[in-house]
Amino acid sequence: VSDLTLLSAGLARIGGGWGGEHVGASLDHAVWFHRPVRA
């Protein structure tokens, strides 16, 4: 789930949003778990 919308943060800085005039790809992705969570 953490990878579904994170690149949208970068898109929001340049504008246009999902399905617009830009395409993105994750180059790397890291998650640090601090406590258990139920997804």
PDB file of all heavy atoms in Angstrom:
ATOM      1  N   VAL A   1       0.833  -1.208   0.000  1.00  0.00           N
ATOM      2  CA  VAL A   1       0.000   0.000   0.000  1.00  0.00           C
ATOM      3  C   VAL A   1       0.867   1.257   0.000  1.00  0.00           C
ATOM      4  O   VAL A   1       0.542   2.246  -0.667  1.00  0.00           O
ATOM      5  CB  VAL A   1      -0.972  -0.008   1.198  1.00  0.00           C
ATOM      6  CG1 VAL A   1      -1.707   1.320   1.311  1.00  0.00           C
ATOM      7  CG2 VAL A   1      -1.966  -1.150   1.075  1.00  0.00           C
ATOM      8  N   SER A   2       1.994   1.218   0.704  1.00  0.00           N
ATOM      9  CA  SER A   2       2.845   2.412   0.806  1.00  0.00           C
ATOM     10  C   SER A   2       3.411   2.844  -0.537  1.00  0.00           C
ATOM     11  O   SER A   2       3.821   3.992  -0.700  1.00  0.00           O
ATOM     12  CB  SER A   2       3.981   2.184   1.809  1.00  0.00           C
ATOM     13  OG  SER A   2       4.984   1.335   1.277  1.00  0.00           O
ATOM     14  N   ASP A   3       3.420   1.946  -1.512  1.00  0.00           N
ATOM     15  CA  ASP A   3       3.949   2.289  -2.834  1.00  0.00           C
ATOM     16  C   ASP A   3       2.861   2.743  -3.804  1.00  0.00           C
ATOM     17  O   ASP A   3       3.150   3.205  -4.891  1.00  0.00           O
ATOM     18  CB  ASP A   3       4.702   1.089  -3.425  1.00  0.00           C
ATOM     19  CG  ASP A   3       5.604   1.473  -4.581  1.00  0.00           C
ATOM     20  OD1 ASP A   3       6.141   2.604  -4.594  1.00  0.00           O
ATOM     21  OD2 ASP A   3       5.780   0.643  -5.484  1.00  0.00           O
ATOM     22  N   LEU A   4       1.598   2.650  -3.419  1.00  0.00           N
ATOM     23  CA  LEU A   4       0.511   3.000  -4.335  1.00  0.00           C
ATOM     24  C   LEU A   4       0.448   4.482  -4.663  1.00  0.00           C
ATOM     25  O   LEU A   4       0.157   4.855  -5.797  1.00  0.00           O
ATOM     26  CB  LEU A   4      -0.842   2.562  -3.757  1.00  0.00           C
ATOM     27  CG  LEU A   4      -1.122   1.077  -3.702  1.00  0.00           C
ATOM     28  CD1 LEU A   4      -2.491   0.825  -3.078  1.00  0.00           C
ATOM     29  CD2 LEU A   4      -1.041   0.458  -5.089  1.00  0.00           C
ATOM     30  N   THR A   5       0.672   5.336  -3.678  1.00  0.00           N
ATOM     31  CA  THR A   5       0.464   6.774  -3.905  1.00  0.00           C
ATOM     32  C   THR A   5       1.671   7.643  -3.554  1.00  0.00           C
ATOM     33  O   THR A   5       1.591   8.859  -3.684  1.00  0.00           O
ATOM     34  CB  THR A   5      -0.737   7.281  -3.081  1.00  0.00           C
ATOM     35  OG1 THR A   5      -0.474   7.080  -1.693  1.00  0.00           O
ATOM     36  CG2 THR A   5      -2.017   6.564  -3.480  1.00  0.00           C
ATOM     37  N   LEU A   6       2.773   7.049  -3.141  1.00  0.00           N
ATOM     38  CA  LEU A   6       3.891   7.884  -2.673  1.00  0.00           C
ATOM     39  C   LEU A   6       4.472   8.754  -3.776  1.00  0.00           C
ATOM     40  O   LEU A   6       4.801   9.916  -3.552  1.00  0.00           O
ATOM     41  CB  LEU A   6       4.976   7.022  -2.026  1.00  0.00           C
ATOM     42  CG  LEU A   6       6.079   7.777  -1.305  1.00  0.00           C
ATOM     43  CD1 LEU A   6       5.519   8.750  -0.271  1.00  0.00           C
ATOM     44  CD2 LEU A   6       7.042   6.816  -0.642  1.00  0.00           C
ATOM     45  N   LEU A   7       4.600   8.235  -4.978  1.00  0.00           N
ATOM     46  CA  LEU A   7       5.129   9.040  -6.072  1.00  0.00           C
ATOM     47  C   LEU A   7       4.223  10.232  -6.393  1.00  0.00           C
ATOM     48  O   LEU A   7       4.658  11.231  -6.952  1.00  0.00           O
ATOM     49  CB  LEU A   7       5.338   8.169  -7.319  1.00  0.00           C
ATOM     50  CG  LEU A   7       6.147   8.767  -8.461  1.00  0.00           C
ATOM     51  CD1 LEU A   7       7.505   9.273  -7.997  1.00  0.00           C
ATOM     52  CD2 LEU A   7       6.306   7.761  -9.574  1.00  0.00           C
ATOM     53  N   SER A   8       2.962  10.140  -5.983  1.00  0.00           N
ATOM     54  CA  SER A   8       2.028  11.260  -6.174  1.00  0.00           C
ATOM     55  C   SER A   8       2.497  12.516  -5.460  1.00  0.00           C
ATOM     56  O   SER A   8       2.162  13.630  -5.878  1.00  0.00           O
ATOM     57  CB  SER A   8       0.643  10.882  -5.655  1.00  0.00           C
ATOM     58  OG  SER A   8       0.145   9.775  -6.339  1.00  0.00           O
ATOM     59  N   ALA A   9       3.258  12.355  -4.382  1.00  0.00           N
ATOM     60  CA  ALA A   9       3.792  13.522  -3.676  1.00  0.00           C
ATOM     61  C   ALA A   9       4.701  14.332  -4.595  1.00  0.00           C
ATOM     62  O   ALA A   9       4.650  15.564  -4.618  1.00  0.00           O
ATOM     63  CB  ALA A   9       4.537  13.088  -2.414  1.00  0.00           C
ATOM     64  N   GLY A  10       5.523  13.655  -5.380  1.00  0.00           N
ATOM     65  CA  GLY A  10       6.374  14.338  -6.349  1.00  0.00           C
ATOM     66  C   GLY A  10       5.564  14.947  -7.479  1.00  0.00           C
ATOM     67  O   GLY A  10       5.830  16.069  -7.920  1.00  0.00           O
ATOM     68  N   LEU A  11       4.553  14.205  -7.950  1.00  0.00           N
ATOM     69  CA  LEU A  11       3.680  14.744  -8.996  1.00  0.00           C
ATOM     70  C   LEU A  11       2.964  16.006  -8.520  1.00  0.00           C
ATOM     71  O   LEU A  11       2.771  16.946  -9.292  1.00  0.00           O
ATOM     72  CB  LEU A  11       2.644  13.703  -9.412  1.00  0.00           C
ATOM     73  CG  LEU A  11       3.121  12.581 -10.317  1.00  0.00           C
ATOM     74  CD1 LEU A  11       2.034  11.521 -10.468  1.00  0.00           C
ATOM     75  CD2 LEU A  11       3.536  13.115 -11.678  1.00  0.00           C
ATOM     76  N   ALA A  12       2.565  16.013  -7.251  1.00  0.00           N
ATOM     77  CA  ALA A  12       1.868  17.185  -6.709  1.00  0.00           C
ATOM     78  C   ALA A  12       2.765  18.422  -6.699  1.00  0.00           C
ATOM     79  O   ALA A  12       2.271  19.541  -6.807  1.00  0.00           O
ATOM     80  CB  ALA A  12       1.366  16.894  -5.296  1.00  0.00           C
ATOM     81  N   ARG A  13       4.066  18.230  -6.589  1.00  0.00           N
ATOM     82  CA  ARG A  13       4.978  19.388  -6.606  1.00  0.00           C
ATOM     83  C   ARG A  13       5.066  20.006  -7.984  1.00  0.00           C
ATOM     84  O   ARG A  13       5.299  21.208  -8.122  1.00  0.00           O
ATOM     85  CB  ARG A  13       6.374  18.973  -6.130  1.00  0.00           C
ATOM     86  CG  ARG A  13       6.456  18.584  -4.670  1.00  0.00           C
ATOM     87  CD  ARG A  13       6.061  19.725  -3.732  1.00  0.00           C
ATOM     88  NE  ARG A  13       6.940  20.860  -3.792  1.00  0.00           N
ATOM     89  CZ  ARG A  13       7.991  21.049  -3.009  1.00  0.00           C
ATOM     90  NH1 ARG A  13       8.287  20.170  -2.084  1.00  0.00           N
ATOM     91  NH2 ARG A  13       8.734  22.107  -3.136  1.00  0.00           N
ATOM     92  N   ILE A  14       4.896  19.200  -9.044  1.00  0.00           N
ATOM     93  CA  ILE A  14       4.972  19.751 -10.399  1.00  0.00           C
ATOM     94  C   ILE A  14       3.588  19.993 -11.001  1.00  0.00           C
ATOM     95  O   ILE A  14       3.460  20.675 -12.003  1.00  0.00           O
ATOM     96  CB  ILE A  14       5.817  18.863 -11.336  1.00  0.00           C
ATOM     97  CG1 ILE A  14       5.215  17.473 -11.467  1.00  0.00           C
ATOM     98  CG2 ILE A  14       7.243  18.781 -10.839  1.00  0.00           C
ATOM     99  CD1 ILE A  14       5.910  16.601 -12.489  1.00  0.00           C
ATOM    100  N   GLY A  15       2.541  19.406 -10.395  1.00  0.00           N
ATOM    101  CA  GLY A  15       1.170  19.602 -10.846  1.00  0.00           C
ATOM    102  C   GLY A  15       0.734  18.562 -11.867  1.00  0.00           C
ATOM    103  O   GLY A  15       1.547  17.885 -12.465  1.00  0.00           O
ATOM    104  N   GLY A  16      -0.556  18.419 -12.005  1.00  0.00           N
ATOM    105  CA  GLY A  16      -1.090  17.517 -13.007  1.00  0.00           C
ATOM    106  C   GLY A  16      -1.777  16.291 -12.476  1.00  0.00           C
ATOM    107  O   GLY A  16      -2.742  15.834 -13.049  1.00  0.00           O
ATOM    108  N   GLY A  17      -1.306  15.722 -11.406  1.00  0.00           N
ATOM    109  CA  GLY A  17      -1.974  14.590 -10.786  1.00  0.00           C
ATOM    110  C   GLY A  17      -1.952  13.306 -11.587  1.00  0.00           C
ATOM    111  O   GLY A  17      -1.275  13.188 -12.599  1.00  0.00           O
ATOM    112  N   TRP A  18      -2.720  12.340 -11.115  1.00  0.00           N
ATOM    113  CA  TRP A  18      -2.779  11.010 -11.721  1.00  0.00           C
ATOM    114  C   TRP A  18      -3.378  11.073 -13.114  1.00  0.00           C
ATOM    115  O   TRP A  18      -4.315  11.815 -13.376  1.00  0.00           O
ATOM    116  CB  TRP A  18      -3.639  10.097 -10.895  1.00  0.00           C
ATOM    117  CG  TRP A  18      -3.148   9.785  -9.531  1.00  0.00           C
ATOM    118  CD1 TRP A  18      -2.004  10.223  -8.929  1.00  0.00           C
ATOM    119  CD2 TRP A  18      -3.804   8.966  -8.574  1.00  0.00           C
ATOM    120  NE1 TRP A  18      -1.925   9.718  -7.664  1.00  0.00           N
ATOM    121  CE2 TRP A  18      -3.011   8.948  -7.430  1.00  0.00           C
ATOM    122  CE3 TRP A  18      -4.991   8.248  -8.584  1.00  0.00           C
ATOM    123  CZ2 TRP A  18      -3.366   8.232  -6.286  1.00  0.00           C
ATOM    124  CZ3 TRP A  18      -5.348   7.538  -7.457  1.00  0.00           C
ATOM    125  CH2 TRP A  18      -4.527   7.534  -6.332  1.00  0.00           C
ATOM    126  N   GLY A  19      -2.854  10.251 -13.989  1.00  0.00           N
ATOM    127  CA  GLY A  19      -3.427  10.135 -15.325  1.00  0.00           C
ATOM    128  C   GLY A  19      -3.267  11.380 -16.170  1.00  0.00           C
ATOM    129  O   GLY A  19      -3.949  11.536 -17.167  1.00  0.00           O
ATOM    130  N   GLY A  20      -2.377  12.250 -15.782  1.00  0.00           N
ATOM    131  CA  GLY A  20      -2.164  13.494 -16.509  1.00  0.00           C
ATOM    132  C   GLY A  20      -1.083  13.369 -17.564  1.00  0.00           C
ATOM    133  O   GLY A  20      -0.963  12.341 -18.232  1.00  0.00           O
ATOM    134  N   GLU A  21      -0.261  14.376 -17.655  1.00  0.00           N
ATOM    135  CA  GLU A  21       0.750  14.450 -18.701  1.00  0.00           C
ATOM    136  C   GLU A  21       2.103  13.903 -18.270  1.00  0.00           C
ATOM    137  O   GLU A  21       3.080  14.051 -18.995  1.00  0.00           O
ATOM    138  CB  GLU A  21       0.897  15.903 -19.155  1.00  0.00           C
ATOM    139  CG  GLU A  21      -0.380  16.458 -19.738  1.00  0.00           C
ATOM    140  CD  GLU A  21      -0.261  17.921 -20.118  1.00  0.00           C
ATOM    141  OE1 GLU A  21       0.849  18.480 -20.067  1.00  0.00           O
ATOM    142  OE2 GLU A  21      -1.291  18.508 -20.468  1.00  0.00           O
ATOM    143  N   HIS A  22       2.161  13.266 -17.096  1.00  0.00           N
ATOM    144  CA  HIS A  22       3.419  12.722 -16.608  1.00  0.00           C
ATOM    145  C   HIS A  22       3.273  11.249 -16.256  1.00  0.00           C
ATOM    146  O   HIS A  22       2.185  10.782 -15.928  1.00  0.00           O
ATOM    147  CB  HIS A  22       3.885  13.478 -15.361  1.00  0.00           C
ATOM    148  CG  HIS A  22       4.228  14.896 -15.635  1.00  0.00           C
ATOM    149  ND1 HIS A  22       3.287  15.913 -15.598  1.00  0.00           N
ATOM    150  CD2 HIS A  22       5.395  15.489 -15.973  1.00  0.00           C
ATOM    151  CE1 HIS A  22       3.868  17.056 -15.893  1.00  0.00           C
ATOM    152  NE2 HIS A  22       5.149  16.825 -16.135  1.00  0.00           N
ATOM    153  N   VAL A  23       4.364  10.546 -16.333  1.00  0.00           N
ATOM    154  CA  VAL A  23       4.425   9.148 -15.917  1.00  0.00           C
ATOM    155  C   VAL A  23       5.586   9.029 -14.932  1.00  0.00           C
ATOM    156  O   VAL A  23       6.576   9.753 -15.037  1.00  0.00           O
ATOM    157  CB  VAL A  23       4.593   8.211 -17.139  1.00  0.00           C
ATOM    158  CG1 VAL A  23       5.913   8.450 -17.846  1.00  0.00           C
ATOM    159  CG2 VAL A  23       4.427   6.771 -16.740  1.00  0.00           C
ATOM    160  N   GLY A  24       5.437   8.146 -13.973  1.00  0.00           N
ATOM    161  CA  GLY A  24       6.478   8.001 -12.963  1.00  0.00           C
ATOM    162  C   GLY A  24       6.845   6.555 -12.716  1.00  0.00           C
ATOM    163  O   GLY A  24       6.096   5.639 -13.050  1.00  0.00           O
ATOM    164  N   ALA A  25       8.012   6.365 -12.123  1.00  0.00           N
ATOM    165  CA  ALA A  25       8.482   5.034 -11.743  1.00  0.00           C
ATOM    166  C   ALA A  25       9.293   5.155 -10.467  1.00  0.00           C
ATOM    167  O   ALA A  25      10.062   6.104 -10.288  1.00  0.00           O
ATOM    168  CB  ALA A  25       9.340   4.438 -12.853  1.00  0.00           C
ATOM    169  N   SER A  26       9.125   4.184  -9.606  1.00  0.00           N
ATOM    170  CA  SER A  26       9.890   4.144  -8.365  1.00  0.00           C
ATOM    171  C   SER A  26      11.310   3.672  -8.658  1.00  0.00           C
ATOM    172  O   SER A  26      11.513   2.658  -9.323  1.00  0.00           O
ATOM    173  CB  SER A  26       9.209   3.179  -7.384  1.00  0.00           C
ATOM    174  OG  SER A  26       9.974   3.049  -6.216  1.00  0.00           O
ATOM    175  N   LEU A  27      12.290   4.417  -8.173  1.00  0.00           N
ATOM    176  CA  LEU A  27      13.685   4.006  -8.322  1.00  0.00           C
ATOM    177  C   LEU A  27      14.155   3.210  -7.101  1.00  0.00           C
ATOM    178  O   LEU A  27      15.008   2.341  -7.219  1.00  0.00           O
ATOM    179  CB  LEU A  27      14.581   5.232  -8.522  1.00  0.00           C
ATOM    180  CG  LEU A  27      14.299   6.032  -9.793  1.00  0.00           C
ATOM    181  CD1 LEU A  27      15.172   7.283  -9.836  1.00  0.00           C
ATOM    182  CD2 LEU A  27      14.524   5.174 -11.036  1.00  0.00           C
ATOM    183  N   ASP A  28      13.634   3.549  -5.956  1.00  0.00           N
ATOM    184  CA  ASP A  28      13.900   2.795  -4.737  1.00  0.00           C
ATOM    185  C   ASP A  28      12.774   3.068  -3.755  1.00  0.00           C
ATOM    186  O   ASP A  28      12.050   4.042  -3.888  1.00  0.00           O
ATOM    187  CB  ASP A  28      15.264   3.139  -4.130  1.00  0.00           C
ATOM    188  CG  ASP A  28      15.436   4.625  -3.850  1.00  0.00           C
ATOM    189  OD1 ASP A  28      14.490   5.265  -3.326  1.00  0.00           O
ATOM    190  OD2 ASP A  28      16.507   5.162  -4.145  1.00  0.00           O
ATOM    191  N   HIS A  29      12.624   2.174  -2.790  1.00  0.00           N
ATOM    192  CA  HIS A  29      11.506   2.290  -1.851  1.00  0.00           C
ATOM    193  C   HIS A  29      11.922   1.591  -0.564  1.00  0.00           C
ATOM    194  O   HIS A  29      12.323   0.426  -0.596  1.00  0.00           O
ATOM    195  CB  HIS A  29      10.265   1.621  -2.451  1.00  0.00           C
ATOM    196  CG  HIS A  29       9.013   1.860  -1.700  1.00  0.00           C
ATOM    197  ND1 HIS A  29       8.170   2.905  -1.985  1.00  0.00           N
ATOM    198  CD2 HIS A  29       8.452   1.208  -0.668  1.00  0.00           C
ATOM    199  CE1 HIS A  29       7.125   2.870  -1.165  1.00  0.00           C
ATOM    200  NE2 HIS A  29       7.279   1.842  -0.357  1.00  0.00           N
ATOM    201  N   ALA A  30      11.854   2.298   0.544  1.00  0.00           N
ATOM    202  CA  ALA A  30      12.231   1.720   1.838  1.00  0.00           C
ATOM    203  C   ALA A  30      11.144   2.003   2.867  1.00  0.00           C
ATOM    204  O   ALA A  30      10.531   3.068   2.851  1.00  0.00           O
ATOM    205  CB  ALA A  30      13.559   2.305   2.320  1.00  0.00           C
ATOM    206  N   VAL A  31      10.901   1.036   3.745  1.00  0.00           N
ATOM    207  CA  VAL A  31       9.910   1.179   4.806  1.00  0.00           C
ATOM    208  C   VAL A  31      10.571   0.814   6.130  1.00  0.00           C
ATOM    209  O   VAL A  31      11.226  -0.219   6.233  1.00  0.00           O
ATOM    210  CB  VAL A  31       8.687   0.260   4.581  1.00  0.00           C
ATOM    211  CG1 VAL A  31       7.657   0.465   5.685  1.00  0.00           C
ATOM    212  CG2 VAL A  31       8.064   0.494   3.214  1.00  0.00           C
ATOM    213  N   TRP A  32      10.401   1.680   7.118  1.00  0.00           N
ATOM    214  CA  TRP A  32      10.862   1.407   8.477  1.00  0.00           C
ATOM    215  C   TRP A  32       9.625   1.207   9.341  1.00  0.00           C
ATOM    216  O   TRP A  32       8.779   2.095   9.430  1.00  0.00           O
ATOM    217  CB  TRP A  32      11.685   2.572   9.026  1.00  0.00           C
ATOM    218  CG  TRP A  32      12.990   2.741   8.330  1.00  0.00           C
ATOM    219  CD1 TRP A  32      14.189   2.225   8.698  1.00  0.00           C
ATOM    220  CD2 TRP A  32      13.239   3.505   7.135  1.00  0.00           C
ATOM    221  NE1 TRP A  32      15.161   2.604   7.799  1.00  0.00           N
ATOM    222  CE2 TRP A  32      14.609   3.388   6.833  1.00  0.00           C
ATOM    223  CE3 TRP A  32      12.422   4.260   6.280  1.00  0.00           C
ATOM    224  CZ2 TRP A  32      15.184   4.004   5.733  1.00  0.00           C
ATOM    225  CZ3 TRP A  32      13.007   4.866   5.178  1.00  0.00           C
ATOM    226  CH2 TRP A  32      14.364   4.736   4.921  1.00  0.00           C
ATOM    227  N   PHE A  33       9.512   0.039   9.957  1.00  0.00           N
ATOM    228  CA  PHE A  33       8.371  -0.266  10.816  1.00  0.00           C
ATOM    229  C   PHE A  33       8.728   0.079  12.252  1.00  0.00           C
ATOM    230  O   PHE A  33       9.730  -0.401  12.783  1.00  0.00           O
ATOM    231  CB  PHE A  33       7.997  -1.748  10.700  1.00  0.00           C
ATOM    232  CG  PHE A  33       7.471  -2.095   9.342  1.00  0.00           C
ATOM    233  CD1 PHE A  33       8.309  -2.607   8.366  1.00  0.00           C
ATOM    234  CD2 PHE A  33       6.141  -1.890   9.030  1.00  0.00           C
ATOM    235  CE1 PHE A  33       7.829  -2.908   7.098  1.00  0.00           C
ATOM    236  CE2 PHE A  33       5.643  -2.187   7.774  1.00  0.00           C
ATOM    237  CZ  PHE A  33       6.494  -2.699   6.812  1.00  0.00           C
ATOM    238  N   HIS A  34       7.921   0.914  12.883  1.00  0.00           N
ATOM    239  CA  HIS A  34       8.168   1.342  14.261  1.00  0.00           C
ATOM    240  C   HIS A  34       7.340   0.549  15.263  1.00  0.00           C
ATOM    241  O   HIS A  34       7.767   0.336  16.392  1.00  0.00           O
ATOM    242  CB  HIS A  34       7.858   2.836  14.412  1.00  0.00           C
ATOM    243  CG  HIS A  34       8.519   3.679  13.363  1.00  0.00           C
ATOM    244  ND1 HIS A  34       9.882   3.661  13.125  1.00  0.00           N
ATOM    245  CD2 HIS A  34       8.003   4.549  12.458  1.00  0.00           C
ATOM    246  CE1 HIS A  34      10.171   4.491  12.138  1.00  0.00           C
ATOM    247  NE2 HIS A  34       9.049   5.044  11.716  1.00  0.00           N
ATOM    248  N   ARG A  35       6.162   0.148  14.842  1.00  0.00           N
ATOM    249  CA  ARG A  35       5.248  -0.617  15.698  1.00  0.00           C
ATOM    250  C   ARG A  35       4.402  -1.512  14.807  1.00  0.00           C
ATOM    251  O   ARG A  35       4.204  -1.216  13.634  1.00  0.00           O
ATOM    252  CB  ARG A  35       4.331   0.325  16.472  1.00  0.00           C
ATOM    253  CG  ARG A  35       5.064   1.109  17.538  1.00  0.00           C
ATOM    254  CD  ARG A  35       4.117   2.111  18.199  1.00  0.00           C
ATOM    255  NE  ARG A  35       4.807   2.913  19.175  1.00  0.00           N
ATOM    256  CZ  ARG A  35       5.646   3.900  18.911  1.00  0.00           C
ATOM    257  NH1 ARG A  35       5.905   4.221  17.669  1.00  0.00           N
ATOM    258  NH2 ARG A  35       6.236   4.572  19.866  1.00  0.00           N
ATOM    259  N   PRO A  36       3.861  -2.585  15.372  1.00  0.00           N
ATOM    260  CA  PRO A  36       2.959  -3.428  14.570  1.00  0.00           C
ATOM    261  C   PRO A  36       1.715  -2.635  14.154  1.00  0.00           C
ATOM    262  O   PRO A  36       1.286  -1.722  14.846  1.00  0.00           O
ATOM    263  CB  PRO A  36       2.574  -4.562  15.529  1.00  0.00           C
ATOM    264  CG  PRO A  36       3.570  -4.519  16.629  1.00  0.00           C
ATOM    265  CD  PRO A  36       4.063  -3.105  16.714  1.00  0.00           C
ATOM    266  N   VAL A  37       1.165  -3.019  13.013  1.00  0.00           N
ATOM    267  CA  VAL A  37      -0.048  -2.374  12.510  1.00  0.00           C
ATOM    268  C   VAL A  37      -0.866  -3.419  11.768  1.00  0.00           C
ATOM    269  O   VAL A  37      -0.302  -4.350  11.188  1.00  0.00           O
ATOM    270  CB  VAL A  37       0.294  -1.187  11.582  1.00  0.00           C
ATOM    271  CG1 VAL A  37       1.055  -1.636  10.359  1.00  0.00           C
ATOM    272  CG2 VAL A  37      -0.961  -0.415  11.186  1.00  0.00           C
ATOM    273  N   ARG A  38      -2.153  -3.283  11.824  1.00  0.00           N
ATOM    274  CA  ARG A  38      -3.030  -4.143  11.030  1.00  0.00           C
ATOM    275  C   ARG A  38      -3.359  -3.392   9.742  1.00  0.00           C
ATOM    276  O   ARG A  38      -3.976  -2.331   9.778  1.00  0.00           O
ATOM    277  CB  ARG A  38      -4.302  -4.490  11.799  1.00  0.00           C
ATOM    278  CG  ARG A  38      -4.047  -5.455  12.950  1.00  0.00           C
ATOM    279  CD  ARG A  38      -5.307  -6.169  13.352  1.00  0.00           C
ATOM    280  NE  ARG A  38      -5.856  -6.987  12.282  1.00  0.00           N
ATOM    281  CZ  ARG A  38      -5.668  -8.312  12.179  1.00  0.00           C
ATOM    282  NH1 ARG A  38      -4.928  -8.950  13.058  1.00  0.00           N
ATOM    283  NH2 ARG A  38      -6.223  -8.983  11.178  1.00  0.00           N
ATOM    284  N   ALA A  39      -2.954  -3.945   8.617  1.00  0.00           N
ATOM    285  CA  ALA A  39      -3.202  -3.305   7.326  1.00  0.00           C
ATOM    286  C   ALA A  39      -4.665  -3.416   6.907  1.00  0.00           C
ATOM    287  O   ALA A  39      -5.090  -2.711   5.995  1.00  0.00           O
ATOM    288  CB  ALA A  39      -2.297  -3.912   6.260  1.00  0.00           C
TER     289      ALA A  39
END
